[in-house]
Amino acid sequence: MEVFGDSNLVLRQIQDELKTRDVKLRPYHAYLELLVGRCDDLRYTHLPRVQNQFADALSTLASMIDIPTDTVVHPLLIESISVFAYCCLIDEVEFDDGLPWYHDIY
């Protein structure tokens, strides 16, 4: 597994190069040590915060659900599309129904 992180401090704490001093972070660090023990090959890579926005969004989504430890989670294939999705929804023929542009959204 390759772990990407935008905080060099946190990555160094994970690798036990630095001590986790914040009391609120210690339970997370202890749980992480349990997870690390389940991996055969583990690498850490530091990314600048600007390059880590996608991973940050995924971690936010992951924190919203509870997955039991005995559940097998299959890989998720994520495709990147170069055309904005809303461009595909615009009809070529525009009509005036007398309503404001935001009526359907509102």
N, C-alpha and C. Protein backbone atom coordinates (compact mmCIF):
# COMPACT_ATOMS: atom_id res chain seq x y z
N MET A 1 0.85 -1.16 0.00
CA MET A 1 0.00 0.00 0.00
C MET A 1 0.90 1.23 0.00
N GLU A 2 0.49 2.21 -0.76
CA GLU A 2 1.22 3.48 -0.77
C GLU A 2 0.33 4.55 -0.15
N VAL A 3 0.84 5.21 0.87
CA VAL A 3 0.10 6.24 1.59
C VAL A 3 0.62 7.60 1.14
N PHE A 4 -0.30 8.44 0.67
CA PHE A 4 0.05 9.79 0.27
C PHE A 4 -0.47 10.75 1.32
N GLY A 5 0.33 11.70 1.72
CA GLY A 5 -0.10 12.67 2.72
C GLY A 5 0.45 14.04 2.41
N ASP A 6 -0.33 15.07 2.80
CA ASP A 6 0.12 16.44 2.53
C ASP A 6 0.72 17.08 3.77
N SER A 7 0.79 16.35 4.88
CA SER A 7 1.42 16.87 6.08
C SER A 7 2.68 16.07 6.39
N ASN A 8 3.82 16.69 6.19
CA ASN A 8 5.08 16.01 6.45
C ASN A 8 5.18 15.63 7.93
N LEU A 9 4.65 16.47 8.81
CA LEU A 9 4.66 16.19 10.24
C LEU A 9 3.91 14.90 10.55
N VAL A 10 2.70 14.78 10.02
CA VAL A 10 1.89 13.58 10.28
C VAL A 10 2.55 12.34 9.69
N LEU A 11 3.10 12.45 8.49
CA LEU A 11 3.78 11.30 7.88
C LEU A 11 4.97 10.85 8.73
N ARG A 12 5.69 11.79 9.27
CA ARG A 12 6.84 11.43 10.11
C ARG A 12 6.38 10.84 11.44
N GLN A 13 5.22 11.30 11.95
CA GLN A 13 4.67 10.71 13.16
C GLN A 13 4.21 9.27 12.90
N ILE A 14 3.62 9.04 11.76
CA ILE A 14 3.16 7.70 11.40
C ILE A 14 4.34 6.73 11.34
N GLN A 15 5.46 7.21 10.82
CA GLN A 15 6.64 6.36 10.66
C GLN A 15 7.48 6.30 11.95
N ASP A 16 6.95 6.87 13.03
CA ASP A 16 7.62 6.91 14.34
C ASP A 16 8.96 7.64 14.30
N GLU A 17 9.12 8.55 13.33
CA GLU A 17 10.31 9.41 13.32
C GLU A 17 10.12 10.57 14.28
N LEU A 18 8.87 10.96 14.50
CA LEU A 18 8.53 12.01 15.46
C LEU A 18 7.45 11.47 16.39
N LYS A 19 7.39 12.00 17.59
CA LYS A 19 6.41 11.56 18.57
C LYS A 19 5.11 12.33 18.39
N THR A 20 3.98 11.64 18.54
CA THR A 20 2.66 12.28 18.49
C THR A 20 2.38 12.85 19.87
N ARG A 21 2.49 14.16 20.00
CA ARG A 21 2.35 14.80 21.31
C ARG A 21 0.92 15.23 21.62
N ASP A 22 0.15 15.53 20.58
CA ASP A 22 -1.21 15.99 20.79
C ASP A 22 -2.07 14.84 21.35
N VAL A 23 -2.64 15.06 22.52
CA VAL A 23 -3.42 14.02 23.20
C VAL A 23 -4.61 13.57 22.34
N LYS A 24 -5.21 14.51 21.61
CA LYS A 24 -6.37 14.17 20.78
C LYS A 24 -5.99 13.26 19.62
N LEU A 25 -4.73 13.30 19.17
CA LEU A 25 -4.30 12.49 18.03
C LEU A 25 -3.79 11.11 18.42
N ARG A 26 -3.52 10.90 19.68
CA ARG A 26 -2.95 9.61 20.12
C ARG A 26 -3.85 8.41 19.84
N PRO A 27 -5.17 8.50 20.06
CA PRO A 27 -6.02 7.34 19.71
C PRO A 27 -5.97 7.02 18.21
N TYR A 28 -5.91 8.06 17.38
CA TYR A 28 -5.80 7.84 15.93
C TYR A 28 -4.49 7.14 15.59
N HIS A 29 -3.43 7.59 16.25
CA HIS A 29 -2.11 6.99 16.00
C HIS A 29 -2.10 5.52 16.44
N ALA A 30 -2.71 5.22 17.57
CA ALA A 30 -2.77 3.84 18.05
C ALA A 30 -3.57 2.96 17.10
N TYR A 31 -4.68 3.48 16.59
CA TYR A 31 -5.48 2.72 15.63
C TYR A 31 -4.73 2.53 14.33
N LEU A 32 -4.02 3.54 13.91
CA LEU A 32 -3.23 3.45 12.69
C LEU A 32 -2.16 2.37 12.81
N GLU A 33 -1.55 2.24 13.98
CA GLU A 33 -0.55 1.20 14.18
C GLU A 33 -1.16 -0.19 14.00
N LEU A 34 -2.42 -0.37 14.42
CA LEU A 34 -3.11 -1.65 14.20
C LEU A 34 -3.31 -1.90 12.71
N LEU A 35 -3.69 -0.86 11.97
CA LEU A 35 -3.91 -1.01 10.53
C LEU A 35 -2.60 -1.28 9.80
N VAL A 36 -1.54 -0.61 10.20
CA VAL A 36 -0.23 -0.79 9.56
C VAL A 36 0.24 -2.23 9.72
N GLY A 37 -0.07 -2.84 10.86
CA GLY A 37 0.32 -4.22 11.09
C GLY A 37 -0.35 -5.20 10.15
N ARG A 38 -1.45 -4.80 9.49
CA ARG A 38 -2.16 -5.67 8.57
C ARG A 38 -1.62 -5.56 7.14
N CYS A 39 -0.67 -4.67 6.90
CA CYS A 39 -0.13 -4.46 5.54
C CYS A 39 1.24 -5.12 5.41
N ASP A 40 1.45 -5.81 4.30
CA ASP A 40 2.74 -6.44 4.04
C ASP A 40 3.78 -5.43 3.55
N ASP A 41 3.36 -4.58 2.64
CA ASP A 41 4.27 -3.60 2.05
C ASP A 41 3.62 -2.23 2.15
N LEU A 42 4.29 -1.30 2.80
CA LEU A 42 3.72 0.01 3.06
C LEU A 42 4.75 1.08 2.76
N ARG A 43 4.37 2.05 1.92
CA ARG A 43 5.26 3.16 1.58
C ARG A 43 4.53 4.48 1.81
N TYR A 44 5.28 5.48 2.23
CA TYR A 44 4.72 6.80 2.50
C TYR A 44 5.30 7.80 1.52
N THR A 45 4.42 8.63 0.94
CA THR A 45 4.85 9.64 -0.01
C THR A 45 4.23 10.98 0.37
N HIS A 46 5.09 11.99 0.49
CA HIS A 46 4.60 13.33 0.82
C HIS A 46 4.22 14.05 -0.47
N LEU A 47 3.02 14.63 -0.47
CA LEU A 47 2.54 15.43 -1.59
C LEU A 47 2.24 16.84 -1.09
N PRO A 48 2.52 17.84 -1.91
CA PRO A 48 2.08 19.19 -1.53
C PRO A 48 0.55 19.21 -1.43
N ARG A 49 0.03 20.04 -0.58
CA ARG A 49 -1.42 20.10 -0.33
C ARG A 49 -2.21 20.32 -1.62
N VAL A 50 -1.68 21.10 -2.54
CA VAL A 50 -2.38 21.39 -3.79
C VAL A 50 -2.58 20.11 -4.61
N GLN A 51 -1.64 19.18 -4.53
CA GLN A 51 -1.73 17.94 -5.30
C GLN A 51 -2.52 16.86 -4.56
N ASN A 52 -3.01 17.15 -3.39
CA ASN A 52 -3.67 16.13 -2.58
C ASN A 52 -5.16 16.40 -2.38
N GLN A 53 -5.75 17.26 -3.19
CA GLN A 53 -7.15 17.62 -3.01
C GLN A 53 -8.09 16.44 -3.23
N PHE A 54 -7.79 15.59 -4.21
CA PHE A 54 -8.64 14.45 -4.51
C PHE A 54 -8.62 13.46 -3.34
N ALA A 55 -7.44 13.18 -2.82
CA ALA A 55 -7.34 12.27 -1.67
C ALA A 55 -8.03 12.85 -0.45
N ASP A 56 -7.96 14.16 -0.29
CA ASP A 56 -8.63 14.80 0.83
C ASP A 56 -10.14 14.63 0.73
N ALA A 57 -10.67 14.76 -0.48
CA ALA A 57 -12.11 14.56 -0.69
C ALA A 57 -12.51 13.11 -0.40
N LEU A 58 -11.68 12.15 -0.82
CA LEU A 58 -11.97 10.74 -0.56
C LEU A 58 -11.94 10.44 0.94
N SER A 59 -10.98 11.02 1.64
CA SER A 59 -10.90 10.77 3.08
C SER A 59 -12.11 11.36 3.80
N THR A 60 -12.61 12.49 3.31
CA THR A 60 -13.81 13.07 3.90
C THR A 60 -15.00 12.14 3.70
N LEU A 61 -15.13 11.58 2.49
CA LEU A 61 -16.21 10.62 2.23
C LEU A 61 -16.06 9.37 3.09
N ALA A 62 -14.84 8.87 3.21
CA ALA A 62 -14.60 7.66 3.99
C ALA A 62 -14.93 7.86 5.46
N SER A 63 -14.73 9.06 5.97
CA SER A 63 -15.01 9.31 7.38
C SER A 63 -16.50 9.39 7.67
N MET A 64 -17.33 9.43 6.63
CA MET A 64 -18.77 9.57 6.82
C MET A 64 -19.48 8.22 6.98
N ILE A 65 -18.78 7.10 6.71
CA ILE A 65 -19.43 5.79 6.81
C ILE A 65 -18.67 4.90 7.79
N ASP A 66 -19.36 3.91 8.30
CA ASP A 66 -18.75 2.97 9.23
C ASP A 66 -18.69 1.61 8.57
N ILE A 67 -17.49 1.09 8.34
CA ILE A 67 -17.30 -0.21 7.71
C ILE A 67 -16.79 -1.18 8.77
N PRO A 68 -17.53 -2.26 9.05
CA PRO A 68 -17.06 -3.24 10.04
C PRO A 68 -15.71 -3.83 9.63
N THR A 69 -14.90 -4.21 10.60
CA THR A 69 -13.55 -4.69 10.32
C THR A 69 -13.52 -5.99 9.55
N ASP A 70 -14.58 -6.80 9.61
CA ASP A 70 -14.58 -8.07 8.88
C ASP A 70 -15.13 -7.95 7.46
N THR A 71 -15.43 -6.75 7.02
CA THR A 71 -15.97 -6.51 5.68
C THR A 71 -14.83 -6.38 4.67
N VAL A 72 -14.98 -7.07 3.54
CA VAL A 72 -14.01 -6.95 2.46
C VAL A 72 -14.44 -5.78 1.57
N VAL A 73 -13.56 -4.83 1.42
CA VAL A 73 -13.85 -3.66 0.60
C VAL A 73 -13.12 -3.84 -0.73
N HIS A 74 -13.88 -3.86 -1.81
CA HIS A 74 -13.30 -4.05 -3.14
C HIS A 74 -12.76 -2.72 -3.67
N PRO A 75 -11.75 -2.78 -4.53
CA PRO A 75 -11.19 -1.54 -5.08
C PRO A 75 -12.25 -0.74 -5.83
N LEU A 76 -12.08 0.54 -5.79
CA LEU A 76 -13.00 1.46 -6.45
C LEU A 76 -12.29 2.06 -7.65
N LEU A 77 -12.87 1.89 -8.83
CA LEU A 77 -12.30 2.46 -10.05
C LEU A 77 -12.88 3.85 -10.25
N ILE A 78 -12.01 4.82 -10.30
CA ILE A 78 -12.44 6.21 -10.49
C ILE A 78 -11.87 6.70 -11.80
N GLU A 79 -12.76 7.11 -12.68
CA GLU A 79 -12.33 7.62 -13.97
C GLU A 79 -12.39 9.15 -13.97
N SER A 80 -11.43 9.74 -14.63
CA SER A 80 -11.41 11.19 -14.75
C SER A 80 -11.92 11.57 -16.13
N ILE A 81 -12.90 12.45 -16.18
CA ILE A 81 -13.48 12.87 -17.44
C ILE A 81 -13.06 14.31 -17.71
N SER A 82 -12.65 14.57 -18.94
CA SER A 82 -12.12 15.89 -19.25
C SER A 82 -13.21 16.90 -19.63
N VAL A 83 -14.45 16.46 -19.80
CA VAL A 83 -15.54 17.36 -20.15
C VAL A 83 -16.40 17.55 -18.91
N PHE A 84 -16.75 18.77 -18.60
CA PHE A 84 -17.60 19.04 -17.45
C PHE A 84 -18.97 18.40 -17.65
N ALA A 85 -19.50 17.77 -16.62
CA ALA A 85 -20.76 17.04 -16.72
C ALA A 85 -21.93 17.94 -17.09
N TYR A 86 -21.96 19.14 -16.56
CA TYR A 86 -23.11 20.00 -16.83
C TYR A 86 -23.17 20.43 -18.30
N CYS A 87 -22.06 20.37 -19.03
CA CYS A 87 -22.08 20.73 -20.45
C CYS A 87 -22.89 19.74 -21.26
N CYS A 88 -22.95 18.50 -20.81
CA CYS A 88 -23.68 17.47 -21.53
C CYS A 88 -25.19 17.61 -21.31
N LEU A 89 -25.61 18.38 -20.33
CA LEU A 89 -27.03 18.49 -20.01
C LEU A 89 -27.70 19.69 -20.68
N ILE A 90 -26.92 20.53 -21.31
CA ILE A 90 -27.48 21.73 -21.92
C ILE A 90 -28.01 21.38 -23.30
N ASP A 91 -29.30 21.64 -23.51
CA ASP A 91 -29.90 21.41 -24.83
C ASP A 91 -29.43 22.49 -25.78
N GLU A 92 -29.38 22.11 -27.05
CA GLU A 92 -28.95 23.09 -28.05
C GLU A 92 -30.06 24.10 -28.33
N VAL A 93 -31.31 23.69 -28.19
CA VAL A 93 -32.43 24.59 -28.43
C VAL A 93 -32.87 25.17 -27.09
N GLU A 94 -32.83 26.49 -27.00
CA GLU A 94 -33.27 27.14 -25.78
C GLU A 94 -34.69 27.64 -25.99
N PHE A 95 -35.49 27.54 -24.95
CA PHE A 95 -36.86 28.04 -25.03
C PHE A 95 -37.12 28.95 -23.84
N ASP A 96 -38.03 29.85 -24.01
CA ASP A 96 -38.36 30.81 -22.96
C ASP A 96 -39.72 30.44 -22.38
N ASP A 97 -39.70 29.92 -21.15
CA ASP A 97 -40.97 29.55 -20.50
C ASP A 97 -41.43 30.64 -19.53
N GLY A 98 -40.72 31.77 -19.52
CA GLY A 98 -41.10 32.88 -18.67
C GLY A 98 -40.64 32.76 -17.23
N LEU A 99 -39.97 31.65 -16.87
CA LEU A 99 -39.49 31.44 -15.51
C LEU A 99 -38.03 31.86 -15.40
N PRO A 100 -37.58 32.23 -14.20
CA PRO A 100 -36.17 32.59 -14.04
C PRO A 100 -35.26 31.36 -14.26
N TRP A 101 -34.01 31.58 -14.58
CA TRP A 101 -33.07 30.50 -14.90
C TRP A 101 -32.89 29.51 -13.75
N TYR A 102 -33.10 29.96 -12.52
CA TYR A 102 -32.89 29.11 -11.36
C TYR A 102 -34.15 28.39 -10.89
N HIS A 103 -35.26 28.51 -11.62
CA HIS A 103 -36.52 27.96 -11.18
C HIS A 103 -36.44 26.44 -10.93
N ASP A 104 -35.88 25.68 -11.86
CA ASP A 104 -35.80 24.23 -11.70
C ASP A 104 -34.89 23.83 -10.55
N ILE A 105 -33.86 24.61 -10.33
CA ILE A 105 -32.92 24.33 -9.24
C ILE A 105 -33.57 24.66 -7.90
N TYR A 106 -34.25 25.80 -7.87
CA TYR A 106 -34.88 26.27 -6.63
C TYR A 106 -35.97 25.30 -6.21
